[in-house]
PDB file of N, CA and C in Angstrom:
ATOM      1  N   UNK A   1       1.785  15.628   4.965  1.00  0.00           N
ATOM      2  CA  UNK A   1       2.520  15.512   6.198  1.00  0.00           C
ATOM      3  C   UNK A   1       1.634  15.175   7.334  1.00  0.00           C
ATOM      4  N   UNK A   2       0.473  15.726   7.343  1.00  0.00           N
ATOM      5  CA  UNK A   2      -0.469  15.303   8.458  1.00  0.00           C
ATOM      6  C   UNK A   2      -0.782  13.851   8.592  1.00  0.00           C
ATOM      7  N   UNK A   3      -0.912  13.229   7.429  1.00  0.00           N
ATOM      8  CA  UNK A   3      -1.145  11.789   7.412  1.00  0.00           C
ATOM      9  C   UNK A   3      -0.034  11.044   8.053  1.00  0.00           C
ATOM     10  N   UNK A   4       1.173  11.458   7.711  1.00  0.00           N
ATOM     11  CA  UNK A   4       2.378  10.918   8.360  1.00  0.00           C
ATOM     12  C   UNK A   4       2.395  11.032   9.894  1.00  0.00           C
ATOM     13  N   UNK A   5       2.075  12.319  10.345  1.00  0.00           N
ATOM     14  CA  UNK A   5       1.903  12.490  11.702  1.00  0.00           C
ATOM     15  C   UNK A   5       0.944  11.671  12.423  1.00  0.00           C
ATOM     16  N   UNK A   6      -0.193  11.449  11.857  1.00  0.00           N
ATOM     17  CA  UNK A   6      -1.205  10.552  12.393  1.00  0.00           C
ATOM     18  C   UNK A   6      -0.686   9.158  12.564  1.00  0.00           C
ATOM     19  N   UNK A   7       0.023   8.695  11.582  1.00  0.00           N
ATOM     20  CA  UNK A   7       0.557   7.431  11.518  1.00  0.00           C
ATOM     21  C   UNK A   7       1.633   7.227  12.611  1.00  0.00           C
ATOM     22  N   UNK A   8       2.535   8.201  12.706  1.00  0.00           N
ATOM     23  CA  UNK A   8       3.589   8.059  13.603  1.00  0.00           C
ATOM     24  C   UNK A   8       3.125   8.222  15.026  1.00  0.00           C
ATOM     25  N   UNK A   9       2.003   8.915  15.224  1.00  0.00           N
ATOM     26  CA  UNK A   9       1.373   8.918  16.534  1.00  0.00           C
ATOM     27  C   UNK A   9       0.315   7.777  16.824  1.00  0.00           C
ATOM     28  N   UNK A  10       0.458   6.833  15.988  1.00  0.00           N
ATOM     29  CA  UNK A  10      -0.418   5.633  16.134  1.00  0.00           C
ATOM     30  C   UNK A  10      -1.868   5.921  15.995  1.00  0.00           C
ATOM     31  N   UNK A  11      -2.255   6.988  15.334  1.00  0.00           N
ATOM     32  CA  UNK A  11      -3.730   7.334  15.135  1.00  0.00           C
ATOM     33  C   UNK A  11      -4.067   6.870  13.731  1.00  0.00           C
ATOM     34  N   UNK A  12      -4.175   5.567  13.546  1.00  0.00           N
ATOM     35  CA  UNK A  12      -4.391   4.928  12.253  1.00  0.00           C
ATOM     36  C   UNK A  12      -5.681   5.212  11.713  1.00  0.00           C
ATOM     37  N   UNK A  13      -6.703   5.272  12.474  1.00  0.00           N
ATOM     38  CA  UNK A  13      -8.054   5.555  11.961  1.00  0.00           C
ATOM     39  C   UNK A  13      -8.065   7.014  11.345  1.00  0.00           C
ATOM     40  N   UNK A  14      -7.449   7.999  12.106  1.00  0.00           N
ATOM     41  CA  UNK A  14      -7.533   9.305  11.726  1.00  0.00           C
ATOM     42  C   UNK A  14      -6.702   9.485  10.363  1.00  0.00           C
ATOM     43  N   UNK A  15      -5.630   8.780  10.309  1.00  0.00           N
ATOM     44  CA  UNK A  15      -4.788   8.796   9.080  1.00  0.00           C
ATOM     45  C   UNK A  15      -5.605   8.247   7.826  1.00  0.00           C
ATOM     46  N   UNK A  16      -6.229   7.097   8.091  1.00  0.00           N
ATOM     47  CA  UNK A  16      -7.072   6.589   6.973  1.00  0.00           C
ATOM     48  C   UNK A  16      -8.143   7.456   6.532  1.00  0.00           C
ATOM     49  N   UNK A  17      -8.775   8.087   7.492  1.00  0.00           N
ATOM     50  CA  UNK A  17      -9.922   8.982   7.213  1.00  0.00           C
ATOM     51  C   UNK A  17      -9.369  10.252   6.520  1.00  0.00           C
ATOM     52  N   UNK A  18      -8.270  10.786   6.939  1.00  0.00           N
ATOM     53  CA  UNK A  18      -7.751  11.978   6.344  1.00  0.00           C
ATOM     54  C   UNK A  18      -7.286  11.675   4.854  1.00  0.00           C
ATOM     55  N   UNK A  19      -6.726  10.555   4.606  1.00  0.00           N
ATOM     56  CA  UNK A  19      -6.292  10.229   3.313  1.00  0.00           C
ATOM     57  C   UNK A  19      -7.449  10.080   2.273  1.00  0.00           C
ATOM     58  N   UNK A  20      -8.472   9.328   2.823  1.00  0.00           N
ATOM     59  CA  UNK A  20      -9.604   9.080   1.955  1.00  0.00           C
ATOM     60  C   UNK A  20     -10.465  10.445   1.702  1.00  0.00           C
ATOM     61  N   UNK A  21     -10.574  11.281   2.682  1.00  0.00           N
ATOM     62  CA  UNK A  21     -11.282  12.503   2.512  1.00  0.00           C
ATOM     63  C   UNK A  21     -10.497  13.633   1.849  1.00  0.00           C
ATOM     64  N   UNK A  22      -9.248  13.734   1.964  1.00  0.00           N
ATOM     65  CA  UNK A  22      -8.580  14.894   1.532  1.00  0.00           C
ATOM     66  C   UNK A  22      -7.455  14.620   0.403  1.00  0.00           C
ATOM     67  N   UNK A  23      -6.861  13.525   0.510  1.00  0.00           N
ATOM     68  CA  UNK A  23      -5.703  13.270  -0.480  1.00  0.00           C
ATOM     69  C   UNK A  23      -6.159  12.479  -1.688  1.00  0.00           C
ATOM     70  N   UNK A  24      -6.759  11.301  -1.430  1.00  0.00           N
ATOM     71  CA  UNK A  24      -7.065  10.366  -2.600  1.00  0.00           C
ATOM     72  C   UNK A  24      -8.092  10.994  -3.481  1.00  0.00           C
ATOM     73  N   UNK A  25      -9.147  11.778  -3.137  1.00  0.00           N
ATOM     74  CA  UNK A  25      -9.945  12.396  -4.151  1.00  0.00           C
ATOM     75  C   UNK A  25      -9.285  13.376  -5.074  1.00  0.00           C
ATOM     76  N   UNK A  26      -8.383  14.125  -4.542  1.00  0.00           N
ATOM     77  CA  UNK A  26      -7.629  14.990  -5.321  1.00  0.00           C
ATOM     78  C   UNK A  26      -6.687  14.399  -6.359  1.00  0.00           C
ATOM     79  N   UNK A  27      -6.058  13.324  -5.977  1.00  0.00           N
ATOM     80  CA  UNK A  27      -5.105  12.532  -6.917  1.00  0.00           C
ATOM     81  C   UNK A  27      -5.982  11.908  -7.913  1.00  0.00           C
ATOM     82  N   UNK A  28      -7.063  11.294  -7.577  1.00  0.00           N
ATOM     83  CA  UNK A  28      -7.962  10.579  -8.552  1.00  0.00           C
ATOM     84  C   UNK A  28      -8.567  11.550  -9.523  1.00  0.00           C
ATOM     85  N   UNK A  29      -8.935  12.772  -9.005  1.00  0.00           N
ATOM     86  CA  UNK A  29      -9.588  13.778  -9.871  1.00  0.00           C
ATOM     87  C   UNK A  29      -8.597  14.551 -10.790  1.00  0.00           C
ATOM     88  N   UNK A  30      -7.497  14.877 -10.273  1.00  0.00           N
ATOM     89  CA  UNK A  30      -6.510  15.642 -10.972  1.00  0.00           C
ATOM     90  C   UNK A  30      -5.341  14.811 -11.688  1.00  0.00           C
ATOM     91  N   UNK A  31      -5.306  13.604 -11.352  1.00  0.00           N
ATOM     92  CA  UNK A  31      -4.245  12.821 -11.853  1.00  0.00           C
ATOM     93  C   UNK A  31      -3.061  12.676 -10.929  1.00  0.00           C
ATOM     94  N   UNK A  32      -2.364  11.600 -11.080  1.00  0.00           N
ATOM     95  CA  UNK A  32      -1.174  11.366 -10.200  1.00  0.00           C
ATOM     96  C   UNK A  32       0.085  11.903 -10.846  1.00  0.00           C
ATOM     97  N   UNK A  33       0.204  13.171 -10.924  1.00  0.00           N
ATOM     98  CA  UNK A  33       1.334  13.753 -11.583  1.00  0.00           C
ATOM     99  C   UNK A  33       2.746  13.525 -10.954  1.00  0.00           C
ATOM    100  N   UNK A  34       2.702  13.148  -9.521  1.00  0.00           N
ATOM    101  CA  UNK A  34       3.920  12.979  -8.869  1.00  0.00           C
ATOM    102  C   UNK A  34       4.245  11.425  -8.565  1.00  0.00           C
ATOM    103  N   UNK A  35       3.490  10.563  -9.127  1.00  0.00           N
ATOM    104  CA  UNK A  35       3.544   9.175  -9.060  1.00  0.00           C
ATOM    105  C   UNK A  35       3.488   8.737  -7.628  1.00  0.00           C
ATOM    106  N   UNK A  36       2.551   9.259  -6.800  1.00  0.00           N
ATOM    107  CA  UNK A  36       2.467   8.968  -5.326  1.00  0.00           C
ATOM    108  C   UNK A  36       1.397   8.008  -5.083  1.00  0.00           C
ATOM    109  N   UNK A  37       0.605   7.584  -6.026  1.00  0.00           N
ATOM    110  CA  UNK A  37      -0.551   6.760  -5.673  1.00  0.00           C
ATOM    111  C   UNK A  37      -0.141   5.354  -5.235  1.00  0.00           C
ATOM    112  N   UNK A  38       0.851   4.655  -5.888  1.00  0.00           N
ATOM    113  CA  UNK A  38       1.204   3.364  -5.272  1.00  0.00           C
ATOM    114  C   UNK A  38       1.729   3.471  -3.788  1.00  0.00           C
ATOM    115  N   UNK A  39       2.516   4.588  -3.501  1.00  0.00           N
ATOM    116  CA  UNK A  39       2.986   4.711  -2.173  1.00  0.00           C
ATOM    117  C   UNK A  39       1.837   5.092  -1.236  1.00  0.00           C
ATOM    118  N   UNK A  40       0.894   5.790  -1.667  1.00  0.00           N
ATOM    119  CA  UNK A  40      -0.260   6.110  -0.822  1.00  0.00           C
ATOM    120  C   UNK A  40      -1.015   4.857  -0.498  1.00  0.00           C
ATOM    121  N   UNK A  41      -1.207   3.934  -1.448  1.00  0.00           N
ATOM    122  CA  UNK A  41      -1.902   2.757  -1.163  1.00  0.00           C
ATOM    123  C   UNK A  41      -1.090   1.814  -0.140  1.00  0.00           C
ATOM    124  N   UNK A  42       0.188   1.873  -0.338  1.00  0.00           N
ATOM    125  CA  UNK A  42       1.052   1.180   0.621  1.00  0.00           C
ATOM    126  C   UNK A  42       0.860   1.685   2.102  1.00  0.00           C
ATOM    127  N   UNK A  43       0.799   3.009   2.081  1.00  0.00           N
ATOM    128  CA  UNK A  43       0.610   3.705   3.373  1.00  0.00           C
ATOM    129  C   UNK A  43      -0.700   3.288   4.013  1.00  0.00           C
ATOM    130  N   UNK A  44      -1.797   3.253   3.294  1.00  0.00           N
ATOM    131  CA  UNK A  44      -3.080   2.816   3.751  1.00  0.00           C
ATOM    132  C   UNK A  44      -2.991   1.403   4.199  1.00  0.00           C
ATOM    133  N   UNK A  45      -2.434   0.527   3.339  1.00  0.00           N
ATOM    134  CA  UNK A  45      -2.253  -0.922   3.704  1.00  0.00           C
ATOM    135  C   UNK A  45      -1.609  -0.958   5.050  1.00  0.00           C
ATOM    136  N   UNK A  46      -0.528  -0.245   5.261  1.00  0.00           N
ATOM    137  CA  UNK A  46       0.230  -0.433   6.514  1.00  0.00           C
ATOM    138  C   UNK A  46      -0.657  -0.003   7.747  1.00  0.00           C
ATOM    139  N   UNK A  47      -1.497   1.040   7.545  1.00  0.00           N
ATOM    140  CA  UNK A  47      -2.291   1.534   8.668  1.00  0.00           C
ATOM    141  C   UNK A  47      -3.325   0.386   8.845  1.00  0.00           C
ATOM    142  N   UNK A  48      -4.013  -0.188   7.926  1.00  0.00           N
ATOM    143  CA  UNK A  48      -4.930  -1.150   8.051  1.00  0.00           C
ATOM    144  C   UNK A  48      -4.279  -2.412   8.778  1.00  0.00           C
ATOM    145  N   UNK A  49      -3.066  -2.694   8.339  1.00  0.00           N
ATOM    146  CA  UNK A  49      -2.454  -3.821   9.003  1.00  0.00           C
ATOM    147  C   UNK A  49      -2.241  -3.575  10.517  1.00  0.00           C
ATOM    148  N   UNK A  50      -1.867  -2.403  10.829  1.00  0.00           N
ATOM    149  CA  UNK A  50      -1.744  -2.078  12.275  1.00  0.00           C
ATOM    150  C   UNK A  50      -3.000  -2.221  13.063  1.00  0.00           C
ATOM    151  N   UNK A  51      -4.153  -1.928  12.340  1.00  0.00           N
ATOM    152  CA  UNK A  51      -5.480  -2.181  12.938  1.00  0.00           C
ATOM    153  C   UNK A  51      -5.965  -3.614  12.853  1.00  0.00           C
ATOM    154  N   UNK A  52      -5.157  -4.474  12.388  1.00  0.00           N
ATOM    155  CA  UNK A  52      -5.475  -5.945  12.340  1.00  0.00           C
ATOM    156  C   UNK A  52      -6.580  -6.193  11.308  1.00  0.00           C
ATOM    157  N   UNK A  53      -6.624  -5.266  10.228  1.00  0.00           N
ATOM    158  CA  UNK A  53      -7.624  -5.460   9.191  1.00  0.00           C
ATOM    159  C   UNK A  53      -6.978  -5.907   8.024  1.00  0.00           C
ATOM    160  N   UNK A  54      -6.612  -7.269   8.004  1.00  0.00           N
ATOM    161  CA  UNK A  54      -5.829  -7.754   6.968  1.00  0.00           C
ATOM    162  C   UNK A  54      -6.455  -7.762   5.546  1.00  0.00           C
ATOM    163  N   UNK A  55      -7.822  -7.957   5.492  1.00  0.00           N
ATOM    164  CA  UNK A  55      -8.393  -7.871   4.184  1.00  0.00           C
ATOM    165  C   UNK A  55      -8.322  -6.513   3.471  1.00  0.00           C
ATOM    166  N   UNK A  56      -8.527  -5.393   4.402  1.00  0.00           N
ATOM    167  CA  UNK A  56      -8.355  -4.087   3.775  1.00  0.00           C
ATOM    168  C   UNK A  56      -6.836  -3.726   3.430  1.00  0.00           C
ATOM    169  N   UNK A  57      -5.918  -4.248   4.267  1.00  0.00           N
ATOM    170  CA  UNK A  57      -4.549  -4.124   3.817  1.00  0.00           C
ATOM    171  C   UNK A  57      -4.287  -4.786   2.616  1.00  0.00           C
ATOM    172  N   UNK A  58      -4.700  -5.999   2.357  1.00  0.00           N
ATOM    173  CA  UNK A  58      -4.460  -6.817   1.085  1.00  0.00           C
ATOM    174  C   UNK A  58      -5.017  -6.002  -0.039  1.00  0.00           C
ATOM    175  N   UNK A  59      -6.201  -5.471   0.096  1.00  0.00           N
ATOM    176  CA  UNK A  59      -6.882  -4.746  -0.960  1.00  0.00           C
ATOM    177  C   UNK A  59      -6.104  -3.504  -1.418  1.00  0.00           C
ATOM    178  N   UNK A  60      -5.545  -2.785  -0.319  1.00  0.00           N
ATOM    179  CA  UNK A  60      -4.746  -1.602  -0.750  1.00  0.00           C
ATOM    180  C   UNK A  60      -3.417  -1.872  -1.293  1.00  0.00           C
ATOM    181  N   UNK A  61      -2.739  -2.991  -0.882  1.00  0.00           N
ATOM    182  CA  UNK A  61      -1.526  -3.437  -1.509  1.00  0.00           C
ATOM    183  C   UNK A  61      -1.764  -3.776  -2.976  1.00  0.00           C
ATOM    184  N   UNK A  62      -2.849  -4.534  -3.207  1.00  0.00           N
ATOM    185  CA  UNK A  62      -3.153  -4.916  -4.534  1.00  0.00           C
ATOM    186  C   UNK A  62      -3.486  -3.678  -5.408  1.00  0.00           C
ATOM    187  N   UNK A  63      -4.080  -2.730  -4.837  1.00  0.00           N
ATOM    188  CA  UNK A  63      -4.495  -1.497  -5.537  1.00  0.00           C
ATOM    189  C   UNK A  63      -3.147  -0.706  -5.929  1.00  0.00           C
ATOM    190  N   UNK A  64      -2.279  -0.741  -5.065  1.00  0.00           N
ATOM    191  CA  UNK A  64      -0.924  -0.119  -5.254  1.00  0.00           C
ATOM    192  C   UNK A  64      -0.268  -0.755  -6.411  1.00  0.00           C
ATOM    193  N   UNK A  65      -0.290  -2.182  -6.471  1.00  0.00           N
ATOM    194  CA  UNK A  65       0.279  -2.840  -7.579  1.00  0.00           C
ATOM    195  C   UNK A  65      -0.373  -2.535  -8.833  1.00  0.00           C
ATOM    196  N   UNK A  66      -1.726  -2.434  -8.842  1.00  0.00           N
ATOM    197  CA  UNK A  66      -2.482  -2.136 -10.060  1.00  0.00           C
ATOM    198  C   UNK A  66      -2.207  -0.685 -10.535  1.00  0.00           C
ATOM    199  N   UNK A  67      -1.876   0.253  -9.589  1.00  0.00           N
ATOM    200  CA  UNK A  67      -1.640   1.525  -9.943  1.00  0.00           C
ATOM    201  C   UNK A  67      -0.217   1.704 -10.654  1.00  0.00           C
ATOM    202  N   UNK A  68       0.743   0.940 -10.171  1.00  0.00           N
ATOM    203  CA  UNK A  68       2.163   0.957 -10.755  1.00  0.00           C
ATOM    204  C   UNK A  68       2.805  -0.396 -10.532  1.00  0.00           C
ATOM    205  N   UNK A  69       2.717  -1.238 -11.493  1.00  0.00           N
ATOM    206  CA  UNK A  69       3.323  -2.605 -11.283  1.00  0.00           C
ATOM    207  C   UNK A  69       4.903  -2.564 -11.292  1.00  0.00           C
ATOM    208  N   UNK A  70       5.439  -1.535 -11.520  1.00  0.00           N
ATOM    209  CA  UNK A  70       6.940  -1.283 -11.439  1.00  0.00           C
ATOM    210  C   UNK A  70       7.316  -0.957 -10.050  1.00  0.00           C
ATOM    211  N   UNK A  71       6.448  -0.556  -9.188  1.00  0.00           N
ATOM    212  CA  UNK A  71       6.794  -0.121  -7.820  1.00  0.00           C
ATOM    213  C   UNK A  71       6.849  -1.351  -6.868  1.00  0.00           C
ATOM    214  N   UNK A  72       7.971  -1.712  -6.358  1.00  0.00           N
ATOM    215  CA  UNK A  72       8.233  -2.970  -5.799  1.00  0.00           C
ATOM    216  C   UNK A  72       7.770  -3.050  -4.397  1.00  0.00           C
ATOM    217  N   UNK A  73       7.640  -2.070  -3.647  1.00  0.00           N
ATOM    218  CA  UNK A  73       7.176  -2.128  -2.330  1.00  0.00           C
ATOM    219  C   UNK A  73       5.934  -2.864  -1.959  1.00  0.00           C
ATOM    220  N   UNK A  74       4.915  -2.492  -2.706  1.00  0.00           N
ATOM    221  CA  UNK A  74       3.514  -3.065  -2.556  1.00  0.00           C
ATOM    222  C   UNK A  74       3.667  -4.693  -2.680  1.00  0.00           C
ATOM    223  N   UNK A  75       4.434  -5.090  -3.621  1.00  0.00           N
ATOM    224  CA  UNK A  75       4.580  -6.639  -3.731  1.00  0.00           C
ATOM    225  C   UNK A  75       5.157  -7.130  -2.529  1.00  0.00           C
ATOM    226  N   UNK A  76       6.218  -6.492  -2.004  1.00  0.00           N
ATOM    227  CA  UNK A  76       6.892  -7.073  -0.827  1.00  0.00           C
ATOM    228  C   UNK A  76       5.951  -7.104   0.395  1.00  0.00           C
ATOM    229  N   UNK A  77       5.177  -5.998   0.570  1.00  0.00           N
ATOM    230  CA  UNK A  77       4.217  -5.895   1.724  1.00  0.00           C
ATOM    231  C   UNK A  77       3.121  -6.898   1.667  1.00  0.00           C
ATOM    232  N   UNK A  78       2.670  -7.144   0.366  1.00  0.00           N
ATOM    233  CA  UNK A  78       1.595  -8.205   0.203  1.00  0.00           C
ATOM    234  C   UNK A  78       2.140  -9.535   0.312  1.00  0.00           C
ATOM    235  N   UNK A  79       3.283  -9.823  -0.048  1.00  0.00           N
ATOM    236  CA  UNK A  79       3.930 -11.164   0.036  1.00  0.00           C
ATOM    237  C   UNK A  79       4.183 -11.425   1.564  1.00  0.00           C
ATOM    238  N   UNK A  80       4.518 -10.367   2.322  1.00  0.00           N
ATOM    239  CA  UNK A  80       4.772 -10.557   3.721  1.00  0.00           C
ATOM    240  C   UNK A  80       3.398 -10.921   4.462  1.00  0.00           C
ATOM    241  N   UNK A  81       2.409 -10.142   4.039  1.00  0.00           N
ATOM    242  CA  UNK A  81       1.114 -10.433   4.656  1.00  0.00           C
ATOM    243  C   UNK A  81       0.590 -11.781   4.441  1.00  0.00           C
ATOM    244  N   UNK A  82       0.818 -12.326   3.210  1.00  0.00           N
ATOM    245  CA  UNK A  82       0.451 -13.728   2.877  1.00  0.00           C
ATOM    246  C   UNK A  82       1.334 -14.662   3.757  1.00  0.00           C
ATOM    247  N   UNK A  83       2.599 -14.339   3.756  1.00  0.00           N
ATOM    248  CA  UNK A  83       3.518 -15.142   4.732  1.00  0.00           C
ATOM    249  C   UNK A  83       3.020 -15.307   6.032  1.00  0.00           C
ATOM    250  N   UNK A  84       2.622 -14.117   6.598  1.00  0.00           N
ATOM    251  CA  UNK A  84       2.169 -14.201   8.079  1.00  0.00           C
ATOM    252  C   UNK A  84       0.910 -14.813   8.196  1.00  0.00           C
ATOM    253  N   UNK A  85       0.153 -14.941   7.176  1.00  0.00           N
ATOM    254  CA  UNK A  85      -1.155 -15.755   7.211  1.00  0.00           C
ATOM    255  C   UNK A  85      -1.023 -17.211   6.778  1.00  0.00           C
ATOM    256  N   UNK A  86       0.303 -17.620   6.647  1.00  0.00           N
ATOM    257  CA  UNK A  86       0.626 -18.898   6.273  1.00  0.00           C
ATOM    258  C   UNK A  86       0.109 -19.235   4.902  1.00  0.00           C
ATOM    259  N   UNK A  87      -0.003 -18.315   3.940  1.00  0.00           N
ATOM    260  CA  UNK A  87      -0.435 -18.530   2.660  1.00  0.00           C
ATOM    261  C   UNK A  87       0.920 -18.515   1.778  1.00  0.00           C
ATOM    262  N   UNK A  88       1.738 -19.503   1.921  1.00  0.00           N
ATOM    263  CA  UNK A  88       3.012 -19.560   1.382  1.00  0.00           C
ATOM    264  C   UNK A  88       3.075 -19.579  -0.125  1.00  0.00           C
ATOM    265  N   UNK A  89       2.196 -20.279  -0.733  1.00  0.00           N
ATOM    266  CA  UNK A  89       2.046 -20.305  -2.231  1.00  0.00           C
ATOM    267  C   UNK A  89       1.845 -19.064  -2.772  1.00  0.00           C
ATOM    268  N   UNK A  90       0.846 -18.336  -2.116  1.00  0.00           N
ATOM    269  CA  UNK A  90       0.510 -17.032  -2.655  1.00  0.00           C
ATOM    270  C   UNK A  90       1.703 -15.994  -2.460  1.00  0.00           C
ATOM    271  N   UNK A  91       2.286 -16.043  -1.270  1.00  0.00           N
ATOM    272  CA  UNK A  91       3.473 -15.235  -1.002  1.00  0.00           C
ATOM    273  C   UNK A  91       4.557 -15.504  -2.031  1.00  0.00           C
ATOM    274  N   UNK A  92       4.839 -16.759  -2.397  1.00  0.00           N
ATOM    275  CA  UNK A  92       5.853 -17.093  -3.366  1.00  0.00           C
ATOM    276  C   UNK A  92       5.474 -16.547  -4.738  1.00  0.00           C
ATOM    277  N   UNK A  93       4.229 -16.650  -5.102  1.00  0.00           N
ATOM    278  CA  UNK A  93       3.728 -16.146  -6.406  1.00  0.00           C
ATOM    279  C   UNK A  93       3.940 -14.696  -6.499  1.00  0.00           C
ATOM    280  N   UNK A  94       3.486 -13.996  -5.447  1.00  0.00           N
ATOM    281  CA  UNK A  94       3.654 -12.407  -5.449  1.00  0.00           C
ATOM    282  C   UNK A  94       5.063 -12.106  -5.526  1.00  0.00           C
ATOM    283  N   UNK A  95       6.042 -12.748  -4.870  1.00  0.00           N
ATOM    284  CA  UNK A  95       7.508 -12.401  -4.992  1.00  0.00           C
ATOM    285  C   UNK A  95       8.006 -12.765  -6.308  1.00  0.00           C
ATOM    286  N   UNK A  96       7.563 -13.882  -6.935  1.00  0.00           N
ATOM    287  CA  UNK A  96       7.961 -14.098  -8.354  1.00  0.00           C
ATOM    288  C   UNK A  96       7.462 -13.026  -9.242  1.00  0.00           C
ATOM    289  N   UNK A  97       6.224 -12.612  -9.103  1.00  0.00           N
ATOM    290  CA  UNK A  97       5.720 -11.516  -9.912  1.00  0.00           C
ATOM    291  C   UNK A  97       6.582 -10.200  -9.692  1.00  0.00           C
ATOM    292  N   UNK A  98       6.898 -10.003  -8.462  1.00  0.00           N
ATOM    293  CA  UNK A  98       7.648  -8.823  -8.053  1.00  0.00           C
ATOM    294  C   UNK A  98       8.920  -8.780  -8.831  1.00  0.00           C
ATOM    295  N   UNK A  99       9.718  -9.848  -8.878  1.00  0.00           N
ATOM    296  CA  UNK A  99      11.025  -9.865  -9.480  1.00  0.00           C
ATOM    297  C   UNK A  99      10.931  -9.878 -10.983  1.00  0.00           C
ATOM    298  N   UNK A 100       9.854 -10.333 -11.508  1.00  0.00           N
ATOM    299  CA  UNK A 100       9.685 -10.287 -12.977  1.00  0.00           C
ATOM    300  C   UNK A 100       9.341  -8.931 -13.532  1.00  0.00           C
ATOM    301  N   UNK A 101       8.520  -8.176 -12.804  1.00  0.00           N
ATOM    302  CA  UNK A 101       7.948  -6.986 -13.405  1.00  0.00           C
ATOM    303  C   UNK A 101       8.434  -5.694 -12.772  1.00  0.00           C
ATOM    304  N   UNK A 102       8.850  -5.709 -11.536  1.00  0.00           N
ATOM    305  CA  UNK A 102       9.106  -4.504 -10.758  1.00  0.00           C
ATOM    306  C   UNK A 102      10.627  -4.135 -10.807  1.00  0.00           C
ATOM    307  N   UNK A 103      10.874  -2.903 -10.180  1.00  0.00           N
ATOM    308  CA  UNK A 103      12.146  -2.348 -10.107  1.00  0.00           C
ATOM    309  C   UNK A 103      12.184  -1.553  -8.833  1.00  0.00           C
ATOM    310  N   UNK A 104      13.236  -1.426  -8.163  1.00  0.00           N
ATOM    311  CA  UNK A 104      13.407  -0.570  -6.972  1.00  0.00           C
ATOM    312  C   UNK A 104      13.430   0.831  -7.341  1.00  0.00           C
ATOM    313  N   UNK A 105      12.435   1.605  -6.812  1.00  0.00           N
ATOM    314  CA  UNK A 105      12.410   3.036  -7.104  1.00  0.00           C
ATOM    315  C   UNK A 105      12.840   3.745  -5.795  1.00  0.00           C
ATOM    316  N   UNK A 106      13.721   4.786  -6.067  1.00  0.00           N
ATOM    317  CA  UNK A 106      14.124   5.549  -4.978  1.00  0.00           C
ATOM    318  C   UNK A 106      13.369   7.058  -5.018  1.00  0.00           C
ATOM    319  N   UNK A 107      12.167   6.975  -4.405  1.00  0.00           N
ATOM    320  CA  UNK A 107      11.315   8.108  -4.398  1.00  0.00           C
ATOM    321  C   UNK A 107      11.225   8.752  -2.999  1.00  0.00           C
TER     322      UNK A 107
END
């Protein structure tokens, strides 16, 4: 909840730091029993995007896809990033991959 508060108060750096220091190590060490890793990477990607760090955002969206290829939201965020960067072919490829492999999860 603290990470959400940082994000909603536009404290993106604090949010990223908190996640990397306190949440991500626990999930990676103990396992992702609640399937929150893809959502966590999406959350990080959104924060990096707000800080205009597109490369870091892209890396986190891709990590979210790698963590769970069935989770649709990271595909959509990555495709939108490519679209905004005028990388239309990459955006189209990501969306095609999205509809081939993912499903909408209500978590």
